[in-house]
Amino acid sequence: RVEQLKYDVQHLQTALRNFQHRRYVREQQERQREELLARTFTANDSETTIPIDETLQFNESLQNAHRGVDDLIGSGTNILQGLRDQRVTLKGTQKKLLDIANMLG
């Protein structure tokens, strides 16, 4: 009987907490809704300028960075191709040395 009462109390406490949380969320939503409805919106200031110079500089910097990355990729590709060519050369040299070693016994 005591265990059943403990379980009931826990169950009721959980239900109360859930109810309080839902109520708090609903009140908060209503408060936010009222704030939005009460807010008065005004037109923009008469001075609306766009800093084009800064935007152009930013765009130019991005293009320079893009070109730099392209150059790095090109250099990396050339280095890899050079390493492949060296590998082919070394493999050929190794084969010739093994053939000479086999002929000499």
N, C-alpha and C. Protein backbone atom coordinates (compact mmCIF):
# COMPACT_ATOMS: atom_id res chain seq x y z
N ARG A 1 0.84 -1.20 0.00
CA ARG A 1 0.00 0.00 0.00
C ARG A 1 0.88 1.25 0.00
N VAL A 2 1.97 1.25 0.78
CA VAL A 2 2.88 2.40 0.85
C VAL A 2 3.57 2.60 -0.49
N GLU A 3 4.00 1.51 -1.10
CA GLU A 3 4.65 1.60 -2.40
C GLU A 3 3.70 2.18 -3.45
N GLN A 4 2.46 1.78 -3.39
CA GLN A 4 1.47 2.29 -4.32
C GLN A 4 1.28 3.79 -4.12
N LEU A 5 1.25 4.23 -2.86
CA LEU A 5 1.11 5.65 -2.57
C LEU A 5 2.32 6.44 -3.06
N LYS A 6 3.53 5.86 -2.87
CA LYS A 6 4.74 6.53 -3.35
C LYS A 6 4.69 6.68 -4.87
N TYR A 7 4.28 5.62 -5.54
CA TYR A 7 4.17 5.67 -7.00
C TYR A 7 3.15 6.71 -7.43
N ASP A 8 2.01 6.76 -6.74
CA ASP A 8 0.98 7.74 -7.07
C ASP A 8 1.48 9.16 -6.87
N VAL A 9 2.22 9.39 -5.78
CA VAL A 9 2.76 10.72 -5.50
C VAL A 9 3.74 11.13 -6.60
N GLN A 10 4.63 10.21 -6.98
CA GLN A 10 5.58 10.52 -8.05
C GLN A 10 4.86 10.81 -9.36
N HIS A 11 3.86 10.01 -9.65
CA HIS A 11 3.09 10.20 -10.87
C HIS A 11 2.40 11.56 -10.86
N LEU A 12 1.79 11.93 -9.75
CA LEU A 12 1.10 13.21 -9.64
C LEU A 12 2.09 14.37 -9.72
N GLN A 13 3.28 14.22 -9.11
CA GLN A 13 4.28 15.28 -9.17
C GLN A 13 4.75 15.49 -10.61
N THR A 14 4.95 14.40 -11.31
CA THR A 14 5.37 14.51 -12.71
C THR A 14 4.28 15.18 -13.54
N ALA A 15 3.06 14.79 -13.32
CA ALA A 15 1.95 15.40 -14.04
C ALA A 15 1.85 16.89 -13.73
N LEU A 16 2.07 17.27 -12.47
CA LEU A 16 2.03 18.67 -12.07
C LEU A 16 3.15 19.45 -12.76
N ARG A 17 4.36 18.88 -12.78
CA ARG A 17 5.48 19.55 -13.44
C ARG A 17 5.20 19.74 -14.93
N ASN A 18 4.65 18.73 -15.57
CA ASN A 18 4.32 18.84 -17.00
C ASN A 18 3.27 19.91 -17.23
N PHE A 19 2.25 19.94 -16.37
CA PHE A 19 1.21 20.94 -16.49
C PHE A 19 1.79 22.34 -16.31
N GLN A 20 2.65 22.51 -15.29
CA GLN A 20 3.26 23.82 -15.04
C GLN A 20 4.13 24.25 -16.22
N HIS A 21 4.87 23.32 -16.78
CA HIS A 21 5.73 23.65 -17.91
C HIS A 21 4.89 24.08 -19.12
N ARG A 22 3.84 23.32 -19.42
CA ARG A 22 2.98 23.69 -20.54
C ARG A 22 2.34 25.06 -20.31
N ARG A 23 1.93 25.33 -19.08
CA ARG A 23 1.33 26.63 -18.76
C ARG A 23 2.34 27.75 -18.94
N TYR A 24 3.58 27.52 -18.47
CA TYR A 24 4.64 28.52 -18.60
C TYR A 24 4.91 28.81 -20.08
N VAL A 25 5.00 27.76 -20.89
CA VAL A 25 5.26 27.93 -22.32
C VAL A 25 4.13 28.69 -22.98
N ARG A 26 2.90 28.34 -22.65
CA ARG A 26 1.73 29.03 -23.23
C ARG A 26 1.73 30.50 -22.83
N GLU A 27 2.01 30.82 -21.55
CA GLU A 27 2.05 32.21 -21.11
C GLU A 27 3.15 32.98 -21.82
N GLN A 28 4.29 32.33 -21.99
CA GLN A 28 5.40 32.98 -22.69
C GLN A 28 5.03 33.26 -24.14
N GLN A 29 4.38 32.32 -24.80
CA GLN A 29 3.95 32.54 -26.18
C GLN A 29 2.94 33.68 -26.27
N GLU A 30 2.01 33.71 -25.33
CA GLU A 30 1.02 34.79 -25.32
C GLU A 30 1.69 36.14 -25.10
N ARG A 31 2.65 36.19 -24.19
CA ARG A 31 3.37 37.43 -23.90
C ARG A 31 4.12 37.90 -25.16
N GLN A 32 4.79 36.97 -25.85
CA GLN A 32 5.52 37.32 -27.06
C GLN A 32 4.56 37.79 -28.16
N ARG A 33 3.43 37.14 -28.26
CA ARG A 33 2.42 37.52 -29.26
C ARG A 33 1.94 38.94 -28.98
N GLU A 34 1.65 39.23 -27.71
CA GLU A 34 1.19 40.57 -27.34
C GLU A 34 2.26 41.63 -27.62
N GLU A 35 3.53 41.28 -27.36
CA GLU A 35 4.61 42.22 -27.64
C GLU A 35 4.70 42.52 -29.13
N LEU A 36 4.54 41.48 -29.95
CA LEU A 36 4.60 41.70 -31.39
C LEU A 36 3.42 42.54 -31.87
N LEU A 37 2.25 42.26 -31.33
CA LEU A 37 1.07 43.03 -31.75
C LEU A 37 1.14 44.47 -31.28
N ALA A 38 1.80 44.72 -30.15
CA ALA A 38 1.87 46.07 -29.61
C ALA A 38 3.01 46.88 -30.24
N ARG A 39 3.93 46.21 -30.89
CA ARG A 39 5.09 46.91 -31.46
C ARG A 39 4.64 47.77 -32.64
N THR A 40 5.20 48.97 -32.70
CA THR A 40 4.93 49.84 -33.84
C THR A 40 6.16 49.82 -34.74
N PHE A 41 5.90 49.58 -35.98
CA PHE A 41 7.00 49.52 -36.95
C PHE A 41 7.12 50.86 -37.64
N THR A 42 8.34 51.27 -37.89
CA THR A 42 8.59 52.54 -38.55
C THR A 42 9.32 52.28 -39.86
N ALA A 43 9.31 53.26 -40.72
CA ALA A 43 10.02 53.16 -41.99
C ALA A 43 11.52 53.26 -41.73
N ASN A 44 12.29 52.85 -42.71
CA ASN A 44 13.75 52.94 -42.60
C ASN A 44 14.19 54.39 -42.56
N ASP A 45 15.39 54.60 -42.07
CA ASP A 45 15.94 55.95 -42.07
C ASP A 45 16.05 56.43 -43.52
N SER A 46 16.10 57.75 -43.66
CA SER A 46 16.19 58.30 -45.01
C SER A 46 17.54 58.00 -45.64
N GLU A 47 18.53 57.77 -44.82
CA GLU A 47 19.87 57.49 -45.37
C GLU A 47 20.10 55.99 -45.37
N THR A 48 20.01 55.41 -46.53
CA THR A 48 20.31 53.99 -46.67
C THR A 48 21.42 53.87 -47.71
N THR A 49 22.63 53.76 -47.22
CA THR A 49 23.77 53.67 -48.12
C THR A 49 24.37 52.28 -48.03
N ILE A 50 24.93 51.87 -49.11
CA ILE A 50 25.60 50.57 -49.16
C ILE A 50 27.09 50.83 -49.33
N PRO A 51 27.90 50.29 -48.45
CA PRO A 51 29.35 50.51 -48.58
C PRO A 51 29.92 49.68 -49.74
N ILE A 52 29.82 50.23 -50.95
CA ILE A 52 30.23 49.50 -52.15
C ILE A 52 31.74 49.31 -52.17
N ASP A 53 32.49 50.31 -51.72
CA ASP A 53 33.95 50.18 -51.74
C ASP A 53 34.40 48.99 -50.91
N GLU A 54 33.84 48.84 -49.73
CA GLU A 54 34.21 47.71 -48.88
C GLU A 54 33.79 46.40 -49.52
N THR A 55 32.64 46.38 -50.15
CA THR A 55 32.16 45.18 -50.81
C THR A 55 33.06 44.81 -51.98
N LEU A 56 33.48 45.81 -52.74
CA LEU A 56 34.39 45.55 -53.86
C LEU A 56 35.72 45.00 -53.37
N GLN A 57 36.23 45.60 -52.31
CA GLN A 57 37.49 45.11 -51.75
C GLN A 57 37.34 43.67 -51.26
N PHE A 58 36.25 43.39 -50.62
CA PHE A 58 36.00 42.03 -50.13
C PHE A 58 35.91 41.05 -51.29
N ASN A 59 35.20 41.44 -52.35
CA ASN A 59 35.06 40.58 -53.53
C ASN A 59 36.42 40.36 -54.19
N GLU A 60 37.22 41.41 -54.29
CA GLU A 60 38.55 41.28 -54.89
C GLU A 60 39.44 40.37 -54.04
N SER A 61 39.34 40.49 -52.74
CA SER A 61 40.11 39.62 -51.85
C SER A 61 39.69 38.16 -52.02
N LEU A 62 38.39 37.94 -52.15
CA LEU A 62 37.91 36.58 -52.38
C LEU A 62 38.42 36.02 -53.70
N GLN A 63 38.41 36.85 -54.74
CA GLN A 63 38.91 36.39 -56.04
C GLN A 63 40.40 36.07 -55.97
N ASN A 64 41.17 36.91 -55.26
CA ASN A 64 42.60 36.64 -55.10
C ASN A 64 42.83 35.34 -54.35
N ALA A 65 42.05 35.11 -53.31
CA ALA A 65 42.18 33.86 -52.55
C ALA A 65 41.82 32.68 -53.43
N HIS A 66 40.79 32.83 -54.24
CA HIS A 66 40.36 31.77 -55.14
C HIS A 66 41.48 31.45 -56.15
N ARG A 67 42.09 32.50 -56.72
CA ARG A 67 43.20 32.29 -57.65
C ARG A 67 44.37 31.61 -56.95
N GLY A 68 44.65 32.01 -55.72
CA GLY A 68 45.75 31.40 -54.96
C GLY A 68 45.51 29.92 -54.73
N VAL A 69 44.28 29.56 -54.38
CA VAL A 69 43.95 28.15 -54.16
C VAL A 69 44.07 27.38 -55.47
N ASP A 70 43.62 27.98 -56.58
CA ASP A 70 43.76 27.32 -57.88
C ASP A 70 45.23 27.09 -58.21
N ASP A 71 46.08 28.09 -57.93
CA ASP A 71 47.52 27.93 -58.17
C ASP A 71 48.10 26.81 -57.32
N LEU A 72 47.68 26.74 -56.05
CA LEU A 72 48.15 25.66 -55.18
C LEU A 72 47.73 24.29 -55.70
N ILE A 73 46.51 24.19 -56.17
CA ILE A 73 46.04 22.92 -56.72
C ILE A 73 46.84 22.56 -57.97
N GLY A 74 47.11 23.54 -58.83
CA GLY A 74 47.91 23.29 -60.02
C GLY A 74 49.32 22.84 -59.67
N SER A 75 49.93 23.50 -58.68
CA SER A 75 51.27 23.10 -58.24
C SER A 75 51.25 21.69 -57.68
N GLY A 76 50.26 21.38 -56.89
CA GLY A 76 50.15 20.03 -56.33
C GLY A 76 49.99 18.98 -57.42
N THR A 77 49.21 19.30 -58.45
CA THR A 77 49.03 18.37 -59.57
C THR A 77 50.35 18.15 -60.30
N ASN A 78 51.10 19.24 -60.53
CA ASN A 78 52.41 19.11 -61.20
C ASN A 78 53.38 18.30 -60.36
N ILE A 79 53.37 18.49 -59.07
CA ILE A 79 54.27 17.73 -58.19
C ILE A 79 53.91 16.25 -58.23
N LEU A 80 52.62 15.94 -58.16
CA LEU A 80 52.20 14.54 -58.23
C LEU A 80 52.60 13.90 -59.56
N GLN A 81 52.44 14.64 -60.65
CA GLN A 81 52.82 14.11 -61.95
C GLN A 81 54.33 13.87 -62.01
N GLY A 82 55.10 14.79 -61.45
CA GLY A 82 56.56 14.60 -61.40
C GLY A 82 56.93 13.38 -60.59
N LEU A 83 56.27 13.15 -59.47
CA LEU A 83 56.55 11.96 -58.66
C LEU A 83 56.18 10.69 -59.41
N ARG A 84 55.08 10.73 -60.16
CA ARG A 84 54.71 9.54 -60.96
C ARG A 84 55.77 9.25 -62.01
N ASP A 85 56.26 10.31 -62.68
CA ASP A 85 57.30 10.12 -63.69
C ASP A 85 58.56 9.55 -63.06
N GLN A 86 58.94 10.06 -61.90
CA GLN A 86 60.13 9.55 -61.20
C GLN A 86 59.94 8.09 -60.83
N ARG A 87 58.75 7.72 -60.43
CA ARG A 87 58.47 6.33 -60.08
C ARG A 87 58.66 5.42 -61.28
N VAL A 88 58.15 5.86 -62.43
CA VAL A 88 58.30 5.06 -63.64
C VAL A 88 59.78 4.91 -63.98
N THR A 89 60.53 6.01 -63.88
CA THR A 89 61.97 5.97 -64.17
C THR A 89 62.69 5.03 -63.22
N LEU A 90 62.40 5.14 -61.94
CA LEU A 90 63.06 4.29 -60.94
C LEU A 90 62.68 2.82 -61.13
N LYS A 91 61.43 2.56 -61.48
CA LYS A 91 61.03 1.17 -61.72
C LYS A 91 61.80 0.60 -62.91
N GLY A 92 61.96 1.40 -63.98
CA GLY A 92 62.72 0.95 -65.14
C GLY A 92 64.17 0.70 -64.79
N THR A 93 64.75 1.60 -63.99
CA THR A 93 66.15 1.43 -63.56
C THR A 93 66.28 0.18 -62.71
N GLN A 94 65.33 -0.03 -61.81
CA GLN A 94 65.38 -1.23 -60.96
C GLN A 94 65.30 -2.49 -61.81
N LYS A 95 64.42 -2.49 -62.81
CA LYS A 95 64.28 -3.65 -63.68
C LYS A 95 65.59 -3.93 -64.42
N LYS A 96 66.23 -2.87 -64.95
CA LYS A 96 67.50 -3.04 -65.66
C LYS A 96 68.58 -3.57 -64.74
N LEU A 97 68.63 -3.05 -63.50
CA LEU A 97 69.63 -3.54 -62.54
C LEU A 97 69.40 -5.00 -62.19
N LEU A 98 68.14 -5.39 -62.02
CA LEU A 98 67.84 -6.80 -61.74
C LEU A 98 68.22 -7.70 -62.93
N ASP A 99 67.97 -7.20 -64.16
CA ASP A 99 68.35 -7.97 -65.34
C ASP A 99 69.86 -8.14 -65.41
N ILE A 100 70.62 -7.06 -65.13
CA ILE A 100 72.09 -7.15 -65.12
C ILE A 100 72.55 -8.10 -64.04
N ALA A 101 71.94 -8.00 -62.85
CA ALA A 101 72.33 -8.89 -61.75
C ALA A 101 72.03 -10.34 -62.10
N ASN A 102 70.94 -10.62 -62.77
CA ASN A 102 70.61 -11.98 -63.18
C ASN A 102 71.58 -12.49 -64.24
N MET A 103 72.02 -11.61 -65.17
CA MET A 103 72.97 -12.03 -66.21
C MET A 103 74.33 -12.32 -65.60
N LEU A 104 74.75 -11.55 -64.60
CA LEU A 104 76.05 -11.79 -63.98
C LEU A 104 76.01 -12.97 -63.03
N GLY A 105 74.86 -13.34 -62.63
CA GLY A 105 74.71 -14.52 -61.79
C GLY A 105 74.84 -14.18 -60.36
